[in-house]
Protein backbone atom coordinates (compact mmCIF):
# COMPACT_ATOMS: atom_id res chain seq x y z
CA MET A 1 -25.77 -37.06 8.57
CA LYS A 2 -22.90 -34.89 9.69
CA THR A 3 -21.76 -32.31 7.15
CA THR A 4 -17.99 -32.15 7.14
CA LYS A 5 -15.20 -31.36 4.73
CA LEU A 6 -11.57 -32.35 4.33
CA ALA A 7 -9.39 -30.58 1.77
CA LEU A 8 -5.86 -31.54 0.79
CA ALA A 9 -3.94 -28.85 -1.06
CA VAL A 10 -0.70 -29.50 -2.89
CA ILE A 11 1.29 -26.41 -3.89
CA GLY A 12 3.68 -27.06 -6.76
CA GLY A 13 7.09 -25.66 -7.57
CA LEU A 14 9.48 -26.94 -10.25
CA MET A 15 11.92 -29.76 -10.33
CA THR A 16 14.72 -31.65 -12.03
CA PHE A 17 13.98 -35.35 -12.36
CA GLY A 18 17.27 -37.16 -12.99
CA SER A 19 19.55 -36.35 -15.89
CA SER A 20 16.66 -36.20 -18.38
CA ALA A 21 15.08 -33.18 -16.78
CA GLY A 22 17.12 -30.58 -18.63
CA VAL A 23 17.93 -27.10 -17.34
CA ILE A 24 15.20 -25.45 -15.29
CA ASP A 25 14.84 -21.72 -14.68
CA PHE A 26 13.57 -21.78 -11.09
CA ASN A 27 12.83 -18.05 -11.10
CA SER A 28 10.90 -17.87 -14.38
CA ASN A 29 7.37 -18.32 -12.94
CA PRO A 30 5.71 -18.10 -16.38
CA ASP A 31 2.09 -17.25 -17.08
CA VAL A 32 0.72 -20.59 -18.25
CA SER A 33 -2.95 -19.59 -18.53
CA ASP A 34 -2.81 -19.85 -22.34
CA ARG A 35 -0.69 -23.03 -22.48
CA ASP A 36 -1.98 -26.45 -23.47
CA ILE A 37 -2.18 -27.93 -19.94
CA TYR A 38 -5.01 -30.23 -18.90
CA ILE A 39 -5.97 -33.43 -17.07
CA TYR A 40 -6.34 -36.24 -19.59
CA GLY A 41 -6.82 -39.14 -17.21
CA MET A 42 -7.79 -39.98 -13.64
CA ALA A 43 -7.76 -43.28 -11.79
CA HIS A 44 -8.92 -43.84 -8.24
CA GLY A 45 -9.65 -46.74 -5.95
CA GLY A 46 -10.09 -47.69 -2.32
CA THR A 47 -12.72 -48.37 0.29
CA GLY A 48 -13.28 -44.63 0.74
CA CYS A 49 -13.73 -43.74 -2.92
CA PRO A 50 -15.62 -46.38 -4.92
CA ALA A 51 -16.30 -46.04 -8.63
CA ASP A 52 -17.82 -42.75 -9.77
CA SER A 53 -17.42 -41.09 -6.34
CA VAL A 54 -14.41 -38.88 -7.25
CA SER A 55 -14.00 -36.17 -9.88
CA ALA A 56 -11.25 -33.67 -10.73
CA VAL A 57 -11.19 -30.24 -12.40
CA MET A 58 -8.24 -28.06 -13.39
CA ALA A 59 -8.63 -24.29 -13.02
CA ALA A 60 -8.52 -22.12 -16.13
CA ASP A 61 -5.16 -20.64 -15.11
CA HIS A 62 -3.71 -24.15 -14.54
CA GLN A 63 -2.63 -23.25 -11.02
CA THR A 64 -4.93 -25.66 -9.19
CA ILE A 65 -6.51 -29.07 -9.61
CA SER A 66 -9.59 -29.63 -7.44
CA VAL A 67 -10.61 -33.17 -6.51
CA PHE A 68 -14.16 -33.81 -5.26
CA PHE A 69 -15.22 -36.74 -3.07
CA ASP A 70 -18.72 -38.09 -2.42
CA GLU A 71 -18.26 -40.95 0.05
CA TYR A 72 -14.92 -40.65 1.86
CA LEU A 73 -15.55 -41.09 5.61
CA ALA A 74 -14.55 -43.29 8.54
CA ASP A 75 -16.98 -43.87 11.41
CA SER A 76 -16.20 -46.20 14.31
CA SER A 77 -19.90 -47.03 14.69
CA ALA A 78 -19.75 -48.83 11.34
CA SER A 79 -17.76 -51.70 12.86
CA SER A 80 -18.52 -54.04 15.74
CA ARG A 81 -14.86 -53.72 16.70
CA GLY A 82 -15.21 -49.95 17.06
CA ARG A 83 -12.52 -49.30 14.44
CA ASP A 84 -12.97 -48.07 10.87
CA ARG A 85 -10.29 -47.38 8.25
CA LYS A 86 -10.92 -46.13 4.72
CA THR A 87 -8.47 -45.57 1.87
CA CYS A 88 -8.43 -43.59 -1.35
CA ASN A 89 -5.60 -43.70 -3.90
CA ILE A 90 -5.68 -41.24 -6.79
CA GLY A 91 -3.66 -40.81 -9.97
CA LEU A 92 -4.01 -37.75 -12.18
CA SER A 93 -2.40 -37.62 -15.63
CA VAL A 94 -1.49 -34.03 -16.52
CA LYS A 95 -0.42 -32.74 -19.93
CA VAL A 96 2.82 -30.75 -19.54
CA PRO A 97 3.85 -28.77 -22.65
CA HIS A 98 7.37 -28.63 -24.03
CA GLY A 99 9.51 -26.14 -22.17
CA LEU A 100 7.73 -26.50 -18.81
CA SER A 101 8.28 -28.51 -15.62
CA VAL A 102 6.32 -28.86 -12.37
CA ALA A 103 6.83 -30.19 -8.80
CA LEU A 104 4.96 -30.57 -5.53
CA ILE A 105 6.32 -28.36 -2.72
CA GLU A 106 3.49 -28.22 -0.17
CA MET A 107 0.31 -30.05 0.75
CA ASP A 108 -2.40 -28.42 2.87
CA TYR A 109 -5.11 -30.40 4.62
CA ARG A 110 -8.50 -29.06 5.67
CA GLY A 111 -11.22 -31.07 7.33
CA PHE A 112 -13.30 -32.02 10.32
CA VAL A 113 -13.05 -34.58 13.12
CA ASP A 114 -15.35 -35.59 15.98
CA VAL A 115 -13.48 -37.64 18.62
CA PRO A 116 -14.86 -38.45 22.10
CA PRO A 117 -12.50 -38.63 25.12
CA GLY A 118 -10.23 -41.64 24.72
CA GLY A 119 -10.98 -41.99 21.00
CA TYR A 120 -8.58 -41.63 18.09
CA ALA A 121 -8.72 -40.32 14.50
CA SER A 122 -5.92 -40.05 11.96
CA LEU A 123 -5.05 -39.03 8.42
CA ASP A 124 -2.15 -40.53 6.47
CA ALA A 125 -1.01 -39.59 2.98
CA SER A 126 1.86 -40.10 0.59
CA TYR A 127 2.16 -38.16 -2.65
CA PHE A 128 4.62 -38.32 -5.50
CA PHE A 129 5.03 -38.39 -9.25
CA ALA A 130 4.57 -41.81 -10.82
CA GLY A 131 8.00 -43.32 -11.40
CA GLN A 132 9.64 -41.64 -8.41
CA THR A 133 11.68 -43.80 -6.06
CA VAL A 134 10.86 -41.48 -3.14
CA GLY A 135 7.81 -39.48 -2.17
CA ARG A 136 6.44 -37.33 0.62
CA ASN A 137 4.63 -38.81 3.63
CA TYR A 138 2.27 -37.10 6.05
CA HIS A 139 0.65 -38.22 9.30
CA ARG A 140 -1.77 -36.36 11.58
CA GLU A 141 -3.80 -37.68 14.50
CA TRP A 142 -6.45 -36.33 16.86
CA GLY A 143 -7.55 -37.47 20.30
CA SER A 144 -7.41 -36.67 24.00
CA ALA A 145 -7.68 -38.93 27.03
CA ASN A 146 -9.95 -36.54 28.90
CA GLU A 147 -11.53 -34.09 26.45
CA PRO A 148 -13.56 -34.42 23.25
CA VAL A 149 -11.99 -33.13 20.03
CA VAL A 150 -14.58 -31.65 17.68
CA GLN A 151 -13.04 -29.28 15.17
CA ASP A 152 -12.37 -28.15 11.65
CA PHE A 153 -8.66 -28.22 10.95
CA VAL A 154 -6.09 -26.79 8.54
CA GLU A 155 -2.70 -28.51 8.35
CA ASP A 156 0.27 -27.41 6.21
CA ASP A 157 2.97 -29.82 5.08
CA SER A 158 5.73 -27.73 3.49
CA PHE A 159 8.63 -29.43 1.73
CA ASN A 160 12.23 -28.50 2.44
CA VAL A 161 14.01 -27.17 -0.64
CA GLY A 162 16.28 -30.21 -0.69
CA ALA A 163 13.27 -32.56 -0.72
CA ILE A 164 11.67 -31.11 -3.88
CA VAL A 165 11.79 -33.42 -6.90
CA TRP A 166 11.34 -32.00 -10.39
CA SER A 167 9.43 -33.55 -13.28
CA PRO A 168 11.24 -34.15 -16.58
CA CYS A 169 11.19 -31.10 -18.82
CA GLY A 170 8.22 -31.15 -21.17
CA THR A 171 7.12 -34.62 -20.07
CA ASP A 172 3.57 -35.38 -18.95
CA ALA A 173 3.26 -35.91 -15.19
CA ILE A 174 1.17 -38.41 -13.24
CA LEU A 175 0.38 -36.99 -9.80
CA ARG A 176 -0.21 -39.74 -7.24
CA ALA A 177 -1.80 -39.41 -3.79
CA ASN A 178 -2.32 -42.46 -1.56
CA THR A 179 -4.42 -41.55 1.47
CA SER A 180 -6.19 -43.21 4.39
CA ILE A 181 -8.31 -42.10 7.32
CA ARG A 182 -8.94 -43.98 10.56
CA ALA A 183 -11.56 -43.70 13.33
CA ASN A 184 -11.22 -45.64 16.63
CA LYS A 185 -13.80 -45.40 19.39
CA PRO A 186 -12.67 -45.15 23.05
CA ARG A 187 -11.70 -48.38 24.77
CA SER A 188 -14.42 -47.60 27.27
CA GLY A 189 -16.92 -47.91 24.42
CA ASP A 190 -18.47 -44.54 25.27
CA GLY A 191 -19.15 -42.58 22.06
CA ASP A 192 -17.98 -42.96 18.45
CA THR A 193 -15.24 -41.32 16.40
CA PHE A 194 -15.90 -39.76 13.01
CA ILE A 195 -13.70 -38.26 10.27
CA GLN A 196 -14.95 -37.45 6.80
CA VAL A 197 -13.67 -36.30 3.42
CA ASP A 198 -16.80 -34.79 1.96
CA THR A 199 -17.95 -32.43 -0.78
CA ILE A 200 -21.25 -30.78 0.10
CA ASP A 201 -20.90 -27.51 -1.84
CA ILE A 202 -18.47 -25.88 -4.28
CA SER A 203 -15.57 -26.65 -1.95
CA SER A 204 -13.34 -29.52 -2.98
CA GLY A 205 -11.95 -32.39 -0.98
CA MET A 206 -8.41 -32.14 -2.34
CA VAL A 207 -6.72 -29.24 -4.12
CA TYR A 208 -3.40 -29.46 -5.93
CA GLN A 209 -2.00 -25.94 -6.23
CA LEU A 210 0.61 -25.82 -8.97
CA GLN A 211 3.40 -23.44 -9.88
CA TRP A 212 5.23 -23.69 -13.18
CA ALA A 213 8.76 -22.97 -14.43
CA GLU A 214 10.41 -22.83 -17.83
CA CYS A 215 13.03 -25.40 -18.75
CA THR A 216 15.30 -26.43 -21.61
CA GLU A 217 15.11 -30.01 -22.80
């Protein structure tokens, strides 16, 4: 069994979500370590994360949420067609106290791929707050016609300021991430492609990094 890891990190800033969001102090950056912030619900589903294969933990300072995967991998050898696609959709319900707001401003991806010459691997993700009409999409692919690609990777997806959407002031937030990974073997049939989202130690598969701001409802 190959030991590989893929981490997705979302760094949060603060946002105004329609007219109900109130007034947000973007520069406040409060210490929220003693505030009543916690995950009170998680739902997940998909071919890459069956029941009881995903867990989530919020850090004591409420700056990160770590999501751990047990079975999220795509391997072209698993299919007679030489193509394998797995999905994992996650929803995290987060308690947001009165006077605070939160937003996603960056998502970082860490992981591992093993792609023979002519093969193809990819990662796709969209992430948003439940109820949003727009979200953020990400796509990354690996492969070379002539060379193997075997590597750990770190990818940063930073939002433009104008693309940041803010949660309503003092309203609980549901953080959504819809993801998929794909592994295609070479058309020549020589070798197999592998990409995995795995938790084999204290590292997590996906990390939401959050920043908070004060707001007036």
